[in-house]
PDB file of all heavy atoms in Angstrom:
ATOM      1  N   TRP A   1     122.051 229.623 150.840  1.00  0.00           N
ATOM      2  CA  TRP A   1     122.882 230.542 149.959  1.00  0.00           C
ATOM      3  C   TRP A   1     122.938 231.926 150.489  1.00  0.00           C
ATOM      4  O   TRP A   1     124.029 232.571 150.424  1.00  0.00           O
ATOM      5  CB  TRP A   1     122.301 230.477 148.535  1.00  0.00           C
ATOM      6  CG  TRP A   1     122.655 229.311 147.724  1.00  0.00           C
ATOM      7  CD1 TRP A   1     121.741 228.236 147.395  1.00  0.00           C
ATOM      8  CD2 TRP A   1     123.923 229.040 147.244  1.00  0.00           C
ATOM      9  NE1 TRP A   1     122.426 227.345 146.649  1.00  0.00           N
ATOM     10  CE2 TRP A   1     123.770 227.755 146.496  1.00  0.00           C
ATOM     11  CE3 TRP A   1     125.051 229.641 147.211  1.00  0.00           C
ATOM     12  CZ2 TRP A   1     124.744 227.193 145.896  1.00  0.00           C
ATOM     13  CZ3 TRP A   1     126.201 229.001 146.524  1.00  0.00           C
ATOM     14  CH2 TRP A   1     126.040 227.791 145.954  1.00  0.00           C
ATOM     15  N   SER A   2     121.868 232.455 151.199  1.00  0.00           N
ATOM     16  CA  SER A   2     121.952 233.798 151.722  1.00  0.00           C
ATOM     17  C   SER A   2     122.995 233.757 152.895  1.00  0.00           C
ATOM     18  O   SER A   2     123.689 234.760 153.090  1.00  0.00           O
ATOM     19  CB  SER A   2     120.568 234.085 152.293  1.00  0.00           C
ATOM     20  OG  SER A   2     119.680 234.255 151.257  1.00  0.00           O
ATOM     21  N   SER A   3     123.051 232.666 153.754  1.00  0.00           N
ATOM     22  CA  SER A   3     124.032 232.600 154.821  1.00  0.00           C
ATOM     23  C   SER A   3     125.465 232.605 154.282  1.00  0.00           C
ATOM     24  O   SER A   3     126.290 233.290 154.786  1.00  0.00           O
ATOM     25  CB  SER A   3     123.745 231.334 155.677  1.00  0.00           C
ATOM     26  OG  SER A   3     122.383 231.521 156.284  1.00  0.00           O
ATOM     27  N   ILE A   4     125.644 231.783 153.220  1.00  0.00           N
ATOM     28  CA  ILE A   4     126.967 231.709 152.610  1.00  0.00           C
ATOM     29  C   ILE A   4     127.408 233.069 152.128  1.00  0.00           C
ATOM     30  O   ILE A   4     128.536 233.567 152.410  1.00  0.00           O
ATOM     31  CB  ILE A   4     126.980 230.738 151.432  1.00  0.00           C
ATOM     32  CG1 ILE A   4     126.846 229.255 152.095  1.00  0.00           C
ATOM     33  CG2 ILE A   4     128.341 230.828 150.661  1.00  0.00           C
ATOM     34  CD1 ILE A   4     126.727 228.211 151.027  1.00  0.00           C
ATOM     35  N   LEU A   5     126.538 233.827 151.427  1.00  0.00           N
ATOM     36  CA  LEU A   5     126.864 235.124 150.871  1.00  0.00           C
ATOM     37  C   LEU A   5     127.013 236.183 151.940  1.00  0.00           C
ATOM     38  O   LEU A   5     127.832 237.075 151.764  1.00  0.00           O
ATOM     39  CB  LEU A   5     125.688 235.608 149.903  1.00  0.00           C
ATOM     40  CG  LEU A   5     125.611 234.752 148.568  1.00  0.00           C
ATOM     41  CD1 LEU A   5     124.375 235.108 147.821  1.00  0.00           C
ATOM     42  CD2 LEU A   5     126.864 234.975 147.747  1.00  0.00           C
ATOM     43  N   GLN A   6     126.225 236.093 153.037  1.00  0.00           N
ATOM     44  CA  GLN A   6     126.558 237.005 154.049  1.00  0.00           C
ATOM     45  C   GLN A   6     127.896 236.794 154.733  1.00  0.00           C
ATOM     46  O   GLN A   6     128.626 237.715 155.216  1.00  0.00           O
ATOM     47  CB  GLN A   6     125.419 237.118 155.116  1.00  0.00           C
ATOM     48  CG  GLN A   6     125.392 235.855 156.009  1.00  0.00           C
ATOM     49  CD  GLN A   6     124.453 236.097 157.235  1.00  0.00           C
ATOM     50  OE1 GLN A   6     124.043 237.235 157.513  1.00  0.00           O
ATOM     51  NE2 GLN A   6     124.114 235.050 157.949  1.00  0.00           N
ATOM     52  N   GLY A   7     128.298 235.476 154.809  1.00  0.00           N
ATOM     53  CA  GLY A   7     129.575 235.242 155.266  1.00  0.00           C
ATOM     54  C   GLY A   7     130.639 235.728 154.348  1.00  0.00           C
ATOM     55  O   GLY A   7     131.719 236.228 154.834  1.00  0.00           O
ATOM     56  N   VAL A   8     130.436 235.749 153.074  1.00  0.00           N
ATOM     57  CA  VAL A   8     131.415 236.288 152.046  1.00  0.00           C
ATOM     58  C   VAL A   8     131.534 237.763 152.240  1.00  0.00           C
ATOM     59  O   VAL A   8     132.571 238.306 152.237  1.00  0.00           O
ATOM     60  CB  VAL A   8     130.996 235.920 150.637  1.00  0.00           C
ATOM     61  CG1 VAL A   8     131.836 236.679 149.633  1.00  0.00           C
ATOM     62  CG2 VAL A   8     131.069 234.393 150.428  1.00  0.00           C
ATOM     63  N   CYS A   9     130.410 238.390 152.507  1.00  0.00           N
ATOM     64  CA  CYS A   9     130.403 239.871 152.737  1.00  0.00           C
ATOM     65  C   CYS A   9     131.128 240.191 154.037  1.00  0.00           C
ATOM     66  O   CYS A   9     131.961 241.252 154.033  1.00  0.00           O
ATOM     67  CB  CYS A   9     128.946 240.389 152.814  1.00  0.00           C
ATOM     68  SG  CYS A   9     128.051 240.380 151.307  1.00  0.00           S
ATOM     69  N   ALA A  10     130.983 239.361 155.123  1.00  0.00           N
ATOM     70  CA  ALA A  10     131.699 239.631 156.310  1.00  0.00           C
ATOM     71  C   ALA A  10     133.147 239.481 156.144  1.00  0.00           C
ATOM     72  O   ALA A  10     133.999 240.254 156.539  1.00  0.00           O
ATOM     73  CB  ALA A  10     131.168 238.764 157.381  1.00  0.00           C
ATOM     74  N   LEU A  11     133.512 238.422 155.432  1.00  0.00           N
ATOM     75  CA  LEU A  11     135.034 238.166 155.182  1.00  0.00           C
ATOM     76  C   LEU A  11     135.636 239.355 154.406  1.00  0.00           C
ATOM     77  O   LEU A  11     136.714 239.780 154.745  1.00  0.00           O
ATOM     78  CB  LEU A  11     135.174 236.883 154.273  1.00  0.00           C
ATOM     79  CG  LEU A  11     135.153 235.646 155.125  1.00  0.00           C
ATOM     80  CD1 LEU A  11     135.214 234.448 154.226  1.00  0.00           C
ATOM     81  CD2 LEU A  11     136.374 235.514 156.077  1.00  0.00           C
ATOM     82  N   ALA A  12     134.959 239.788 153.397  1.00  0.00           N
ATOM     83  CA  ALA A  12     135.519 240.948 152.526  1.00  0.00           C
ATOM     84  C   ALA A  12     135.454 242.133 153.435  1.00  0.00           C
ATOM     85  O   ALA A  12     136.474 242.977 153.338  1.00  0.00           O
ATOM     86  CB  ALA A  12     134.542 241.220 151.360  1.00  0.00           C
ATOM     87  N   LEU A  13     134.600 242.400 154.296  1.00  0.00           N
ATOM     88  CA  LEU A  13     134.522 243.507 155.239  1.00  0.00           C
ATOM     89  C   LEU A  13     135.704 243.556 156.147  1.00  0.00           C
ATOM     90  O   LEU A  13     136.316 244.631 156.428  1.00  0.00           O
ATOM     91  CB  LEU A  13     133.209 243.496 155.957  1.00  0.00           C
ATOM     92  CG  LEU A  13     132.831 244.698 156.817  1.00  0.00           C
ATOM     93  CD1 LEU A  13     132.672 245.969 155.965  1.00  0.00           C
ATOM     94  CD2 LEU A  13     131.542 244.361 157.594  1.00  0.00           C
ATOM     95  N   LEU A  14     136.073 242.336 156.625  1.00  0.00           N
ATOM     96  CA  LEU A  14     137.067 242.261 157.715  1.00  0.00           C
ATOM     97  C   LEU A  14     138.505 242.130 157.235  1.00  0.00           C
ATOM     98  O   LEU A  14     139.462 242.546 157.848  1.00  0.00           O
ATOM     99  CB  LEU A  14     136.675 241.091 158.657  1.00  0.00           C
ATOM    100  CG  LEU A  14     135.391 241.140 159.331  1.00  0.00           C
ATOM    101  CD1 LEU A  14     135.114 239.951 160.088  1.00  0.00           C
ATOM    102  CD2 LEU A  14     135.271 242.408 160.253  1.00  0.00           C
ATOM    103  N   GLU A  15     138.737 241.542 156.004  1.00  0.00           N
ATOM    104  CA  GLU A  15     139.985 241.188 155.577  1.00  0.00           C
ATOM    105  C   GLU A  15     140.561 242.176 154.515  1.00  0.00           C
ATOM    106  O   GLU A  15     141.643 242.356 154.357  1.00  0.00           O
ATOM    107  CB  GLU A  15     139.887 239.754 154.770  1.00  0.00           C
ATOM    108  CG  GLU A  15     139.536 238.685 155.847  1.00  0.00           C
ATOM    109  CD  GLU A  15     140.406 238.616 157.031  1.00  0.00           C
ATOM    110  OE1 GLU A  15     141.658 238.871 156.943  1.00  0.00           O
ATOM    111  OE2 GLU A  15     139.902 238.182 158.118  1.00  0.00           O
ATOM    112  N   ALA A  16     139.637 242.788 153.818  1.00  0.00           N
ATOM    113  CA  ALA A  16     140.113 243.828 152.834  1.00  0.00           C
ATOM    114  C   ALA A  16     140.365 245.251 153.411  1.00  0.00           C
ATOM    115  O   ALA A  16     139.602 245.646 154.290  1.00  0.00           O
ATOM    116  CB  ALA A  16     139.120 243.887 151.659  1.00  0.00           C
ATOM    117  N   ASN A  17     141.365 245.934 152.883  1.00  0.00           N
ATOM    118  CA  ASN A  17     141.671 247.308 153.228  1.00  0.00           C
ATOM    119  C   ASN A  17     140.839 248.254 152.299  1.00  0.00           C
ATOM    120  O   ASN A  17     141.359 248.519 151.219  1.00  0.00           O
ATOM    121  CB  ASN A  17     143.157 247.486 153.233  1.00  0.00           C
ATOM    122  CG  ASN A  17     143.480 248.945 153.783  1.00  0.00           C
ATOM    123  OD1 ASN A  17     142.625 249.502 154.437  1.00  0.00           O
ATOM    124  ND2 ASN A  17     144.716 249.392 153.524  1.00  0.00           N
ATOM    125  N   LEU A  18     139.694 248.585 152.720  1.00  0.00           N
ATOM    126  CA  LEU A  18     138.732 249.244 151.716  1.00  0.00           C
ATOM    127  C   LEU A  18     138.503 250.661 152.111  1.00  0.00           C
ATOM    128  O   LEU A  18     138.556 251.043 153.378  1.00  0.00           O
ATOM    129  CB  LEU A  18     137.398 248.533 151.736  1.00  0.00           C
ATOM    130  CG  LEU A  18     137.396 247.003 151.228  1.00  0.00           C
ATOM    131  CD1 LEU A  18     136.100 246.345 151.491  1.00  0.00           C
ATOM    132  CD2 LEU A  18     137.831 246.933 149.794  1.00  0.00           C
ATOM    133  N   PRO A  19     138.150 251.521 151.188  1.00  0.00           N
ATOM    134  CA  PRO A  19     137.611 252.873 151.541  1.00  0.00           C
ATOM    135  C   PRO A  19     136.351 252.736 152.338  1.00  0.00           C
ATOM    136  O   PRO A  19     135.646 251.708 152.168  1.00  0.00           O
ATOM    137  CB  PRO A  19     137.458 253.460 150.195  1.00  0.00           C
ATOM    138  CG  PRO A  19     138.211 252.671 149.220  1.00  0.00           C
ATOM    139  CD  PRO A  19     138.194 251.263 149.689  1.00  0.00           C
ATOM    140  N   LEU A  20     136.078 253.793 153.061  1.00  0.00           N
ATOM    141  CA  LEU A  20     134.933 253.829 154.046  1.00  0.00           C
ATOM    142  C   LEU A  20     133.616 253.524 153.226  1.00  0.00           C
ATOM    143  O   LEU A  20     132.765 252.772 153.814  1.00  0.00           O
ATOM    144  CB  LEU A  20     134.845 255.153 154.764  1.00  0.00           C
ATOM    145  CG  LEU A  20     134.055 255.186 156.042  1.00  0.00           C
ATOM    146  CD1 LEU A  20     134.532 254.086 156.968  1.00  0.00           C
ATOM    147  CD2 LEU A  20     134.129 256.607 156.676  1.00  0.00           C
ATOM    148  N   ILE A  21     133.480 254.045 152.064  1.00  0.00           N
ATOM    149  CA  ILE A  21     132.210 253.923 151.350  1.00  0.00           C
ATOM    150  C   ILE A  21     131.909 252.399 150.998  1.00  0.00           C
ATOM    151  O   ILE A  21     130.845 251.919 151.085  1.00  0.00           O
ATOM    152  CB  ILE A  21     132.133 254.840 150.051  1.00  0.00           C
ATOM    153  CG1 ILE A  21     130.823 254.692 149.453  1.00  0.00           C
ATOM    154  CG2 ILE A  21     133.263 254.397 149.093  1.00  0.00           C
ATOM    155  CD1 ILE A  21     129.683 255.219 150.241  1.00  0.00           C
ATOM    156  N   TYR A  22     133.083 251.697 150.656  1.00  0.00           N
ATOM    157  CA  TYR A  22     132.884 250.334 150.406  1.00  0.00           C
ATOM    158  C   TYR A  22     132.611 249.463 151.559  1.00  0.00           C
ATOM    159  O   TYR A  22     131.880 248.476 151.496  1.00  0.00           O
ATOM    160  CB  TYR A  22     134.149 249.769 149.638  1.00  0.00           C
ATOM    161  CG  TYR A  22     134.418 250.345 148.327  1.00  0.00           C
ATOM    162  CD1 TYR A  22     135.559 250.824 147.860  1.00  0.00           C
ATOM    163  CD2 TYR A  22     133.356 250.361 147.360  1.00  0.00           C
ATOM    164  CE1 TYR A  22     135.807 251.417 146.575  1.00  0.00           C
ATOM    165  CE2 TYR A  22     133.490 250.918 146.003  1.00  0.00           C
ATOM    166  CZ  TYR A  22     134.779 251.408 145.817  1.00  0.00           C
ATOM    167  OH  TYR A  22     135.008 251.925 144.491  1.00  0.00           O
ATOM    168  N   ILE A  23     133.106 249.893 152.742  1.00  0.00           N
ATOM    169  CA  ILE A  23     132.808 249.255 154.028  1.00  0.00           C
ATOM    170  C   ILE A  23     131.355 249.321 154.322  1.00  0.00           C
ATOM    171  O   ILE A  23     130.698 248.316 154.644  1.00  0.00           O
ATOM    172  CB  ILE A  23     133.554 249.848 155.107  1.00  0.00           C
ATOM    173  CG1 ILE A  23     135.079 249.495 155.048  1.00  0.00           C
ATOM    174  CG2 ILE A  23     133.069 249.401 156.548  1.00  0.00           C
ATOM    175  CD1 ILE A  23     135.989 250.250 155.964  1.00  0.00           C
ATOM    176  N   TYR A  24     130.722 250.489 154.032  1.00  0.00           N
ATOM    177  CA  TYR A  24     129.350 250.636 154.330  1.00  0.00           C
ATOM    178  C   TYR A  24     128.470 249.946 153.270  1.00  0.00           C
ATOM    179  O   TYR A  24     127.419 249.307 153.594  1.00  0.00           O
ATOM    180  CB  TYR A  24     128.891 252.098 154.314  1.00  0.00           C
ATOM    181  CG  TYR A  24     129.553 252.830 155.428  1.00  0.00           C
ATOM    182  CD1 TYR A  24     129.857 254.251 155.384  1.00  0.00           C
ATOM    183  CD2 TYR A  24     129.817 252.223 156.685  1.00  0.00           C
ATOM    184  CE1 TYR A  24     130.422 254.948 156.422  1.00  0.00           C
ATOM    185  CE2 TYR A  24     130.376 252.912 157.697  1.00  0.00           C
ATOM    186  CZ  TYR A  24     130.729 254.274 157.558  1.00  0.00           C
ATOM    187  OH  TYR A  24     131.295 254.913 158.633  1.00  0.00           O
ATOM    188  N   VAL A  25     128.917 249.837 151.985  1.00  0.00           N
ATOM    189  CA  VAL A  25     128.177 249.057 150.940  1.00  0.00           C
ATOM    190  C   VAL A  25     128.185 247.618 151.314  1.00  0.00           C
ATOM    191  O   VAL A  25     127.210 246.920 151.240  1.00  0.00           O
ATOM    192  CB  VAL A  25     128.773 249.347 149.630  1.00  0.00           C
ATOM    193  CG1 VAL A  25     128.250 248.356 148.558  1.00  0.00           C
ATOM    194  CG2 VAL A  25     128.581 250.802 149.128  1.00  0.00           C
ATOM    195  N   LEU A  26     129.367 247.084 151.775  1.00  0.00           N
ATOM    196  CA  LEU A  26     129.464 245.724 152.183  1.00  0.00           C
ATOM    197  C   LEU A  26     128.518 245.422 153.364  1.00  0.00           C
ATOM    198  O   LEU A  26     127.945 244.388 153.487  1.00  0.00           O
ATOM    199  CB  LEU A  26     130.920 245.272 152.442  1.00  0.00           C
ATOM    200  CG  LEU A  26     131.738 244.959 151.243  1.00  0.00           C
ATOM    201  CD1 LEU A  26     133.147 244.752 151.675  1.00  0.00           C
ATOM    202  CD2 LEU A  26     131.280 243.700 150.584  1.00  0.00           C
ATOM    203  N   SER A  27     128.459 246.362 154.323  1.00  0.00           N
ATOM    204  CA  SER A  27     127.629 246.236 155.485  1.00  0.00           C
ATOM    205  C   SER A  27     126.189 246.105 155.080  1.00  0.00           C
ATOM    206  O   SER A  27     125.291 245.316 155.518  1.00  0.00           O
ATOM    207  CB  SER A  27     127.809 247.340 156.446  1.00  0.00           C
ATOM    208  OG  SER A  27     129.179 247.371 156.946  1.00  0.00           O
ATOM    209  N   ALA A  28     125.758 246.951 154.143  1.00  0.00           N
ATOM    210  CA  ALA A  28     124.406 246.884 153.561  1.00  0.00           C
ATOM    211  C   ALA A  28     124.109 245.579 152.908  1.00  0.00           C
ATOM    212  O   ALA A  28     123.062 245.013 153.082  1.00  0.00           O
ATOM    213  CB  ALA A  28     124.177 248.074 152.639  1.00  0.00           C
ATOM    214  N   CYS A  29     125.097 245.156 152.073  1.00  0.00           N
ATOM    215  CA  CYS A  29     124.922 243.864 151.344  1.00  0.00           C
ATOM    216  C   CYS A  29     124.799 242.690 152.369  1.00  0.00           C
ATOM    217  O   CYS A  29     123.938 241.794 152.243  1.00  0.00           O
ATOM    218  CB  CYS A  29     126.040 243.553 150.536  1.00  0.00           C
ATOM    219  SG  CYS A  29     126.083 244.636 148.958  1.00  0.00           S
ATOM    220  N   PHE A  30     125.580 242.793 153.476  1.00  0.00           N
ATOM    221  CA  PHE A  30     125.492 241.828 154.617  1.00  0.00           C
ATOM    222  C   PHE A  30     124.006 241.805 155.088  1.00  0.00           C
ATOM    223  O   PHE A  30     123.395 240.693 155.333  1.00  0.00           O
ATOM    224  CB  PHE A  30     126.372 242.123 155.651  1.00  0.00           C
ATOM    225  CG  PHE A  30     126.392 241.223 156.847  1.00  0.00           C
ATOM    226  CD1 PHE A  30     127.226 240.072 156.868  1.00  0.00           C
ATOM    227  CD2 PHE A  30     125.606 241.434 157.941  1.00  0.00           C
ATOM    228  CE1 PHE A  30     127.087 239.181 157.957  1.00  0.00           C
ATOM    229  CE2 PHE A  30     125.489 240.609 159.036  1.00  0.00           C
ATOM    230  CZ  PHE A  30     126.336 239.430 159.005  1.00  0.00           C
ATOM    231  N   GLY A  31     123.457 243.063 155.361  1.00  0.00           N
ATOM    232  CA  GLY A  31     122.115 243.204 155.788  1.00  0.00           C
ATOM    233  C   GLY A  31     121.010 242.566 154.856  1.00  0.00           C
ATOM    234  O   GLY A  31     120.126 241.902 155.293  1.00  0.00           O
ATOM    235  N   VAL A  32     121.234 242.724 153.513  1.00  0.00           N
ATOM    236  CA  VAL A  32     120.350 242.190 152.462  1.00  0.00           C
ATOM    237  C   VAL A  32     120.281 240.605 152.656  1.00  0.00           C
ATOM    238  O   VAL A  32     119.194 240.031 152.717  1.00  0.00           O
ATOM    239  CB  VAL A  32     120.838 242.573 151.077  1.00  0.00           C
ATOM    240  CG1 VAL A  32     120.030 241.774 150.006  1.00  0.00           C
ATOM    241  CG2 VAL A  32     120.491 244.052 150.907  1.00  0.00           C
ATOM    242  N   PHE A  33     121.411 239.972 152.629  1.00  0.00           N
ATOM    243  CA  PHE A  33     121.547 238.540 152.743  1.00  0.00           C
ATOM    244  C   PHE A  33     121.078 238.021 154.052  1.00  0.00           C
ATOM    245  O   PHE A  33     120.480 236.985 154.200  1.00  0.00           O
ATOM    246  CB  PHE A  33     122.927 238.028 152.353  1.00  0.00           C
ATOM    247  CG  PHE A  33     123.330 238.298 150.942  1.00  0.00           C
ATOM    248  CD1 PHE A  33     124.463 239.053 150.658  1.00  0.00           C
ATOM    249  CD2 PHE A  33     122.530 237.788 149.880  1.00  0.00           C
ATOM    250  CE1 PHE A  33     124.730 239.376 149.367  1.00  0.00           C
ATOM    251  CE2 PHE A  33     122.746 238.065 148.552  1.00  0.00           C
ATOM    252  CZ  PHE A  33     124.029 238.881 148.362  1.00  0.00           C
ATOM    253  N   PHE A  34     121.363 238.789 155.136  1.00  0.00           N
ATOM    254  CA  PHE A  34     120.926 238.431 156.407  1.00  0.00           C
ATOM    255  C   PHE A  34     119.400 238.413 156.592  1.00  0.00           C
ATOM    256  O   PHE A  34     118.747 237.446 157.082  1.00  0.00           O
ATOM    257  CB  PHE A  34     121.349 239.457 157.481  1.00  0.00           C
ATOM    258  CG  PHE A  34     120.932 239.152 158.876  1.00  0.00           C
ATOM    259  CD1 PHE A  34     121.702 238.335 159.718  1.00  0.00           C
ATOM    260  CD2 PHE A  34     119.802 239.668 159.386  1.00  0.00           C
ATOM    261  CE1 PHE A  34     121.291 238.080 161.018  1.00  0.00           C
ATOM    262  CE2 PHE A  34     119.346 239.479 160.644  1.00  0.00           C
ATOM    263  CZ  PHE A  34     120.155 238.604 161.538  1.00  0.00           C
ATOM    264  N   GLU A  35     118.662 239.423 155.919  1.00  0.00           N
ATOM    265  CA  GLU A  35     117.260 239.476 155.908  1.00  0.00           C
ATOM    266  C   GLU A  35     116.639 238.281 155.147  1.00  0.00           C
ATOM    267  O   GLU A  35     115.703 237.618 155.640  1.00  0.00           O
ATOM    268  CB  GLU A  35     116.809 240.731 155.215  1.00  0.00           C
ATOM    269  CG  GLU A  35     115.320 240.819 154.852  1.00  0.00           C
ATOM    270  CD  GLU A  35     114.331 240.715 156.119  1.00  0.00           C
ATOM    271  OE1 GLU A  35     114.923 240.737 157.243  1.00  0.00           O
ATOM    272  OE2 GLU A  35     113.131 240.648 155.835  1.00  0.00           O
ATOM    273  N   PHE A  36     117.152 237.940 154.026  1.00  0.00           N
ATOM    274  CA  PHE A  36     116.764 236.798 153.266  1.00  0.00           C
ATOM    275  C   PHE A  36     116.864 235.454 154.089  1.00  0.00           C
ATOM    276  O   PHE A  36     115.962 234.574 154.141  1.00  0.00           O
ATOM    277  CB  PHE A  36     117.454 236.636 151.936  1.00  0.00           C
ATOM    278  CG  PHE A  36     116.991 237.517 150.834  1.00  0.00           C
ATOM    279  CD1 PHE A  36     117.893 238.140 149.987  1.00  0.00           C
ATOM    280  CD2 PHE A  36     115.631 237.782 150.694  1.00  0.00           C
ATOM    281  CE1 PHE A  36     117.519 239.004 148.969  1.00  0.00           C
ATOM    282  CE2 PHE A  36     115.206 238.732 149.708  1.00  0.00           C
ATOM    283  CZ  PHE A  36     116.104 239.230 148.827  1.00  0.00           C
ATOM    284  N   ALA A  37     118.047 235.332 154.705  1.00  0.00           N
ATOM    285  CA  ALA A  37     118.310 234.117 155.555  1.00  0.00           C
ATOM    286  C   ALA A  37     117.472 234.012 156.807  1.00  0.00           C
ATOM    287  O   ALA A  37     116.734 232.959 156.978  1.00  0.00           O
ATOM    288  CB  ALA A  37     119.726 234.017 155.933  1.00  0.00           C
ATOM    289  N   GLN A  38     117.304 235.127 157.488  1.00  0.00           N
ATOM    290  CA  GLN A  38     116.475 235.031 158.785  1.00  0.00           C
ATOM    291  C   GLN A  38     114.991 234.909 158.413  1.00  0.00           C
ATOM    292  O   GLN A  38     114.225 234.263 159.083  1.00  0.00           O
ATOM    293  CB  GLN A  38     116.714 236.275 159.646  1.00  0.00           C
ATOM    294  CG  GLN A  38     116.081 237.537 159.243  1.00  0.00           C
ATOM    295  CD  GLN A  38     114.660 237.592 159.757  1.00  0.00           C
ATOM    296  OE1 GLN A  38     114.241 237.032 160.653  1.00  0.00           O
ATOM    297  NE2 GLN A  38     113.838 238.482 159.016  1.00  0.00           N
ATOM    298  N   ASN A  39     114.595 235.497 157.286  1.00  0.00           N
ATOM    299  CA  ASN A  39     113.178 235.402 156.827  1.00  0.00           C
ATOM    300  C   ASN A  39     112.960 233.966 156.487  1.00  0.00           C
ATOM    301  O   ASN A  39     111.792 233.398 156.917  1.00  0.00           O
ATOM    302  CB  ASN A  39     112.867 236.278 155.618  1.00  0.00           C
ATOM    303  CG  ASN A  39     111.435 236.122 155.201  1.00  0.00           C
ATOM    304  OD1 ASN A  39     110.470 236.342 155.869  1.00  0.00           O
ATOM    305  ND2 ASN A  39     111.356 235.765 153.998  1.00  0.00           N
ATOM    306  N   ALA A  40     113.764 233.292 155.836  1.00  0.00           N
ATOM    307  CA  ALA A  40     113.590 231.931 155.444  1.00  0.00           C
ATOM    308  C   ALA A  40     113.541 231.039 156.745  1.00  0.00           C
ATOM    309  O   ALA A  40     112.698 230.136 156.853  1.00  0.00           O
ATOM    310  CB  ALA A  40     114.636 231.343 154.533  1.00  0.00           C
ATOM    311  N   LEU A  41     114.508 231.280 157.711  1.00  0.00           N
ATOM    312  CA  LEU A  41     114.561 230.394 158.814  1.00  0.00           C
ATOM    313  C   LEU A  41     113.506 230.668 159.863  1.00  0.00           C
ATOM    314  O   LEU A  41     112.729 229.849 160.280  1.00  0.00           O
ATOM    315  CB  LEU A  41     115.930 230.487 159.474  1.00  0.00           C
ATOM    316  CG  LEU A  41     116.205 229.709 160.806  1.00  0.00           C
ATOM    317  CD1 LEU A  41     116.119 228.210 160.528  1.00  0.00           C
ATOM    318  CD2 LEU A  41     117.568 230.010 161.274  1.00  0.00           C
ATOM    319  N   ASN A  42     113.399 231.978 160.373  1.00  0.00           N
ATOM    320  CA  ASN A  42     112.523 232.281 161.410  1.00  0.00           C
ATOM    321  C   ASN A  42     111.118 232.428 161.069  1.00  0.00           C
ATOM    322  O   ASN A  42     110.191 232.185 161.858  1.00  0.00           O
ATOM    323  CB  ASN A  42     112.990 233.592 162.145  1.00  0.00           C
ATOM    324  CG  ASN A  42     114.341 233.408 162.828  1.00  0.00           C
ATOM    325  OD1 ASN A  42     114.414 233.183 163.998  1.00  0.00           O
ATOM    326  ND2 ASN A  42     115.472 233.597 162.160  1.00  0.00           N
ATOM    327  N   ASN A  43     110.810 232.854 159.855  1.00  0.00           N
ATOM    328  CA  ASN A  43     109.369 233.179 159.514  1.00  0.00           C
ATOM    329  C   ASN A  43     108.775 232.114 158.576  1.00  0.00           C
ATOM    330  O   ASN A  43     107.530 232.163 158.299  1.00  0.00           O
ATOM    331  CB  ASN A  43     109.372 234.502 158.732  1.00  0.00           C
ATOM    332  CG  ASN A  43     110.060 235.679 159.499  1.00  0.00           C
ATOM    333  OD1 ASN A  43     110.142 235.572 160.752  1.00  0.00           O
ATOM    334  ND2 ASN A  43     110.458 236.666 158.889  1.00  0.00           N
TER     335      ASN A  43
END
């Protein structure tokens, strides 16, 4: 689920024409889901 959600964040980041603040918020959300996913897999 974390991997799917980080993929959704990446899609929104790349496909939407967003203000800069939303781009950074999506990048942070991507980092959140990335951390959950990598912690589950690698650790």
